[in-house]
Amino acid sequence: MPIVFLFKHFQATSDYENNPQKMKQQTFTRRIKPLLEAKGYVYSKKNLAPLTYWNSSDEKLLEKYDINYKYRVKVDITKYQPLFEKPQDNQNETD
Protein backbone atom coordinates (compact mmCIF):
# COMPACT_ATOMS: atom_id res chain seq x y z
CA MET A 1 0.00 0.00 0.00
CA PRO A 2 1.62 3.26 -1.06
CA ILE A 3 1.97 5.79 1.76
CA VAL A 4 0.72 8.60 -0.47
CA PHE A 5 -2.59 6.76 -0.91
CA LEU A 6 -2.93 5.93 2.78
CA PHE A 7 -2.24 9.55 3.73
CA LYS A 8 -4.70 11.00 1.20
CA HIS A 9 -7.33 8.49 2.35
CA PHE A 10 -6.72 9.55 5.97
CA GLN A 11 -7.13 13.22 5.04
CA ALA A 12 -10.28 12.58 3.01
CA THR A 13 -11.98 10.52 5.72
CA SER A 14 -11.01 13.09 8.36
CA ASP A 15 -12.66 15.85 6.35
CA TYR A 16 -15.67 13.63 5.57
CA GLU A 17 -16.19 13.07 9.28
CA ASN A 18 -15.87 16.83 9.87
CA ASN A 19 -12.63 16.37 11.78
CA PRO A 20 -9.94 17.84 9.49
CA GLN A 21 -6.36 17.17 10.52
CA LYS A 22 -3.29 19.36 10.12
CA MET A 23 -0.98 16.35 10.29
CA LYS A 24 1.82 16.19 7.70
CA GLN A 25 2.62 13.01 5.77
CA GLN A 26 5.87 12.44 7.69
CA THR A 27 4.03 12.48 11.04
CA PHE A 28 1.29 10.24 9.63
CA THR A 29 3.90 7.72 8.44
CA ARG A 30 5.70 7.75 11.78
CA ARG A 31 2.42 7.08 13.62
CA ILE A 32 0.98 4.42 11.32
CA LYS A 33 4.22 2.47 10.92
CA PRO A 34 4.11 0.62 14.28
CA LEU A 35 0.39 -0.12 13.83
CA LEU A 36 0.83 -1.75 10.43
CA GLU A 37 4.05 -3.53 11.40
CA ALA A 38 2.14 -5.12 14.29
CA LYS A 39 -0.25 -6.53 11.67
CA GLY A 40 2.58 -8.09 9.66
CA TYR A 41 3.29 -5.32 7.14
CA VAL A 42 6.84 -4.27 6.29
CA TYR A 43 7.74 -0.64 5.56
CA SER A 44 9.96 0.14 2.58
CA LYS A 45 11.04 3.73 2.05
CA LYS A 46 12.18 3.69 -1.59
CA ASN A 47 13.08 0.13 -2.54
CA LEU A 48 9.77 -1.07 -3.96
CA ALA A 49 7.13 -0.13 -6.53
CA PRO A 50 3.49 -1.27 -6.29
CA LEU A 51 3.48 -2.86 -9.80
CA THR A 52 0.76 -5.51 -10.18
CA TYR A 53 0.07 -5.62 -6.45
CA TRP A 54 -1.76 -2.29 -6.56
CA ASN A 55 -5.48 -2.47 -7.25
CA SER A 56 -6.45 0.78 -8.97
CA SER A 57 -10.06 0.29 -7.88
CA ASP A 58 -8.84 1.22 -4.39
CA GLU A 59 -8.50 4.77 -5.66
CA LYS A 60 -12.31 4.83 -5.86
CA LEU A 61 -12.30 4.79 -2.05
CA LEU A 62 -10.99 8.34 -2.21
CA GLU A 63 -13.90 9.36 -4.44
CA LYS A 64 -16.33 8.13 -1.79
CA TYR A 65 -14.85 10.22 1.02
CA ASP A 66 -13.19 13.09 -0.84
CA ILE A 67 -16.36 15.17 -1.20
CA ASN A 68 -14.40 18.40 -1.78
CA TYR A 69 -12.09 16.93 -4.47
CA LYS A 70 -8.97 17.90 -2.51
CA TYR A 71 -7.24 14.57 -2.01
CA ARG A 72 -7.43 12.67 -5.30
CA VAL A 73 -4.25 10.83 -6.18
CA LYS A 74 -3.20 8.61 -9.04
CA VAL A 75 -0.69 5.99 -7.86
CA ASP A 76 2.19 5.50 -10.29
CA ILE A 77 2.63 1.73 -10.08
CA THR A 78 6.07 1.79 -11.73
CA LYS A 79 7.62 4.40 -9.42
CA TYR A 80 9.73 3.36 -6.44
CA GLN A 81 8.05 4.98 -3.46
CA PRO A 82 7.46 4.60 0.27
CA LEU A 83 4.97 1.81 0.88
CA PHE A 84 3.88 -0.99 3.15
CA GLU A 85 3.91 -4.56 1.88
CA LYS A 86 2.54 -7.68 3.44
CA PRO A 87 5.01 -10.48 2.68
CA GLN A 88 3.58 -13.77 1.46
CA ASP A 89 4.09 -16.67 3.84
CA ASN A 90 6.12 -18.54 1.22
CA GLN A 91 8.45 -15.62 0.36
CA ASN A 92 10.94 -16.47 3.07
CA GLU A 93 10.98 -20.23 2.47
CA THR A 94 14.13 -21.77 1.08
CA ASP A 95 14.43 -25.07 -0.77
C-alpha atoms as a PDB file:
ATOM      1  CA  MET A   1       0.000   0.000   0.000  1.00  0.00           C
ATOM      2  CA  PRO A   2       1.618   3.263  -1.056  1.00  0.00           C
ATOM      3  CA  ILE A   3       1.971   5.794   1.755  1.00  0.00           C
ATOM      4  CA  VAL A   4       0.715   8.599  -0.473  1.00  0.00           C
ATOM      5  CA  PHE A   5      -2.591   6.761  -0.913  1.00  0.00           C
ATOM      6  CA  LEU A   6      -2.932   5.934   2.785  1.00  0.00           C
ATOM      7  CA  PHE A   7      -2.241   9.547   3.734  1.00  0.00           C
ATOM      8  CA  LYS A   8      -4.700  10.998   1.205  1.00  0.00           C
ATOM      9  CA  HIS A   9      -7.329   8.486   2.354  1.00  0.00           C
ATOM     10  CA  PHE A  10      -6.715   9.549   5.967  1.00  0.00           C
ATOM     11  CA  GLN A  11      -7.128  13.222   5.036  1.00  0.00           C
ATOM     12  CA  ALA A  12     -10.279  12.584   3.013  1.00  0.00           C
ATOM     13  CA  THR A  13     -11.985  10.524   5.720  1.00  0.00           C
ATOM     14  CA  SER A  14     -11.008  13.086   8.363  1.00  0.00           C
ATOM     15  CA  ASP A  15     -12.662  15.854   6.346  1.00  0.00           C
ATOM     16  CA  TYR A  16     -15.667  13.630   5.567  1.00  0.00           C
ATOM     17  CA  GLU A  17     -16.187  13.068   9.284  1.00  0.00           C
ATOM     18  CA  ASN A  18     -15.869  16.825   9.870  1.00  0.00           C
ATOM     19  CA  ASN A  19     -12.625  16.365  11.778  1.00  0.00           C
ATOM     20  CA  PRO A  20      -9.938  17.844   9.489  1.00  0.00           C
ATOM     21  CA  GLN A  21      -6.360  17.167  10.518  1.00  0.00           C
ATOM     22  CA  LYS A  22      -3.286  19.365  10.123  1.00  0.00           C
ATOM     23  CA  MET A  23      -0.983  16.348  10.286  1.00  0.00           C
ATOM     24  CA  LYS A  24       1.815  16.187   7.704  1.00  0.00           C
ATOM     25  CA  GLN A  25       2.624  13.013   5.775  1.00  0.00           C
ATOM     26  CA  GLN A  26       5.868  12.443   7.693  1.00  0.00           C
ATOM     27  CA  THR A  27       4.031  12.478  11.039  1.00  0.00           C
ATOM     28  CA  PHE A  28       1.293  10.237   9.630  1.00  0.00           C
ATOM     29  CA  THR A  29       3.898   7.720   8.438  1.00  0.00           C
ATOM     30  CA  ARG A  30       5.704   7.748  11.780  1.00  0.00           C
ATOM     31  CA  ARG A  31       2.423   7.082  13.619  1.00  0.00           C
ATOM     32  CA  ILE A  32       0.979   4.422  11.322  1.00  0.00           C
ATOM     33  CA  LYS A  33       4.217   2.469  10.918  1.00  0.00           C
ATOM     34  CA  PRO A  34       4.106   0.616  14.283  1.00  0.00           C
ATOM     35  CA  LEU A  35       0.392  -0.123  13.832  1.00  0.00           C
ATOM     36  CA  LEU A  36       0.828  -1.753  10.428  1.00  0.00           C
ATOM     37  CA  GLU A  37       4.045  -3.528  11.395  1.00  0.00           C
ATOM     38  CA  ALA A  38       2.144  -5.123  14.288  1.00  0.00           C
ATOM     39  CA  LYS A  39      -0.251  -6.529  11.669  1.00  0.00           C
ATOM     40  CA  GLY A  40       2.582  -8.087   9.660  1.00  0.00           C
ATOM     41  CA  TYR A  41       3.292  -5.320   7.138  1.00  0.00           C
ATOM     42  CA  VAL A  42       6.840  -4.271   6.292  1.00  0.00           C
ATOM     43  CA  TYR A  43       7.744  -0.638   5.564  1.00  0.00           C
ATOM     44  CA  SER A  44       9.955   0.140   2.583  1.00  0.00           C
ATOM     45  CA  LYS A  45      11.040   3.729   2.047  1.00  0.00           C
ATOM     46  CA  LYS A  46      12.182   3.694  -1.587  1.00  0.00           C
ATOM     47  CA  ASN A  47      13.081   0.125  -2.536  1.00  0.00           C
ATOM     48  CA  LEU A  48       9.765  -1.072  -3.963  1.00  0.00           C
ATOM     49  CA  ALA A  49       7.126  -0.128  -6.525  1.00  0.00           C
ATOM     50  CA  PRO A  50       3.491  -1.266  -6.294  1.00  0.00           C
ATOM     51  CA  LEU A  51       3.477  -2.855  -9.799  1.00  0.00           C
ATOM     52  CA  THR A  52       0.760  -5.505 -10.179  1.00  0.00           C
ATOM     53  CA  TYR A  53       0.068  -5.622  -6.446  1.00  0.00           C
ATOM     54  CA  TRP A  54      -1.757  -2.290  -6.555  1.00  0.00           C
ATOM     55  CA  ASN A  55      -5.479  -2.469  -7.254  1.00  0.00           C
ATOM     56  CA  SER A  56      -6.447   0.780  -8.972  1.00  0.00           C
ATOM     57  CA  SER A  57     -10.056   0.293  -7.883  1.00  0.00           C
ATOM     58  CA  ASP A  58      -8.845   1.219  -4.387  1.00  0.00           C
ATOM     59  CA  GLU A  59      -8.503   4.774  -5.664  1.00  0.00           C
ATOM     60  CA  LYS A  60     -12.308   4.834  -5.856  1.00  0.00           C
ATOM     61  CA  LEU A  61     -12.301   4.791  -2.050  1.00  0.00           C
ATOM     62  CA  LEU A  62     -10.994   8.340  -2.205  1.00  0.00           C
ATOM     63  CA  GLU A  63     -13.895   9.360  -4.438  1.00  0.00           C
ATOM     64  CA  LYS A  64     -16.326   8.127  -1.787  1.00  0.00           C
ATOM     65  CA  TYR A  65     -14.851  10.224   1.018  1.00  0.00           C
ATOM     66  CA  ASP A  66     -13.192  13.094  -0.845  1.00  0.00           C
ATOM     67  CA  ILE A  67     -16.357  15.171  -1.197  1.00  0.00           C
ATOM     68  CA  ASN A  68     -14.397  18.397  -1.777  1.00  0.00           C
ATOM     69  CA  TYR A  69     -12.092  16.932  -4.474  1.00  0.00           C
ATOM     70  CA  LYS A  70      -8.973  17.904  -2.512  1.00  0.00           C
ATOM     71  CA  TYR A  71      -7.240  14.567  -2.011  1.00  0.00           C
ATOM     72  CA  ARG A  72      -7.432  12.671  -5.296  1.00  0.00           C
ATOM     73  CA  VAL A  73      -4.250  10.833  -6.177  1.00  0.00           C
ATOM     74  CA  LYS A  74      -3.203   8.607  -9.040  1.00  0.00           C
ATOM     75  CA  VAL A  75      -0.693   5.989  -7.859  1.00  0.00           C
ATOM     76  CA  ASP A  76       2.190   5.499 -10.293  1.00  0.00           C
ATOM     77  CA  ILE A  77       2.634   1.732 -10.080  1.00  0.00           C
ATOM     78  CA  THR A  78       6.069   1.793 -11.732  1.00  0.00           C
ATOM     79  CA  LYS A  79       7.616   4.403  -9.424  1.00  0.00           C
ATOM     80  CA  TYR A  80       9.727   3.363  -6.443  1.00  0.00           C
ATOM     81  CA  GLN A  81       8.048   4.976  -3.457  1.00  0.00           C
ATOM     82  CA  PRO A  82       7.456   4.599   0.272  1.00  0.00           C
ATOM     83  CA  LEU A  83       4.972   1.811   0.884  1.00  0.00           C
ATOM     84  CA  PHE A  84       3.885  -0.993   3.148  1.00  0.00           C
ATOM     85  CA  GLU A  85       3.906  -4.558   1.882  1.00  0.00           C
ATOM     86  CA  LYS A  86       2.541  -7.680   3.443  1.00  0.00           C
ATOM     87  CA  PRO A  87       5.006 -10.477   2.681  1.00  0.00           C
ATOM     88  CA  GLN A  88       3.581 -13.767   1.458  1.00  0.00           C
ATOM     89  CA  ASP A  89       4.086 -16.674   3.835  1.00  0.00           C
ATOM     90  CA  ASN A  90       6.120 -18.541   1.224  1.00  0.00           C
ATOM     91  CA  GLN A  91       8.453 -15.621   0.359  1.00  0.00           C
ATOM     92  CA  ASN A  92      10.937 -16.473   3.069  1.00  0.00           C
ATOM     93  CA  GLU A  93      10.978 -20.233   2.466  1.00  0.00           C
ATOM     94  CA  THR A  94      14.135 -21.769   1.079  1.00  0.00           C
ATOM     95  CA  ASP A  95      14.428 -25.071  -0.765  1.00  0.00           C
END
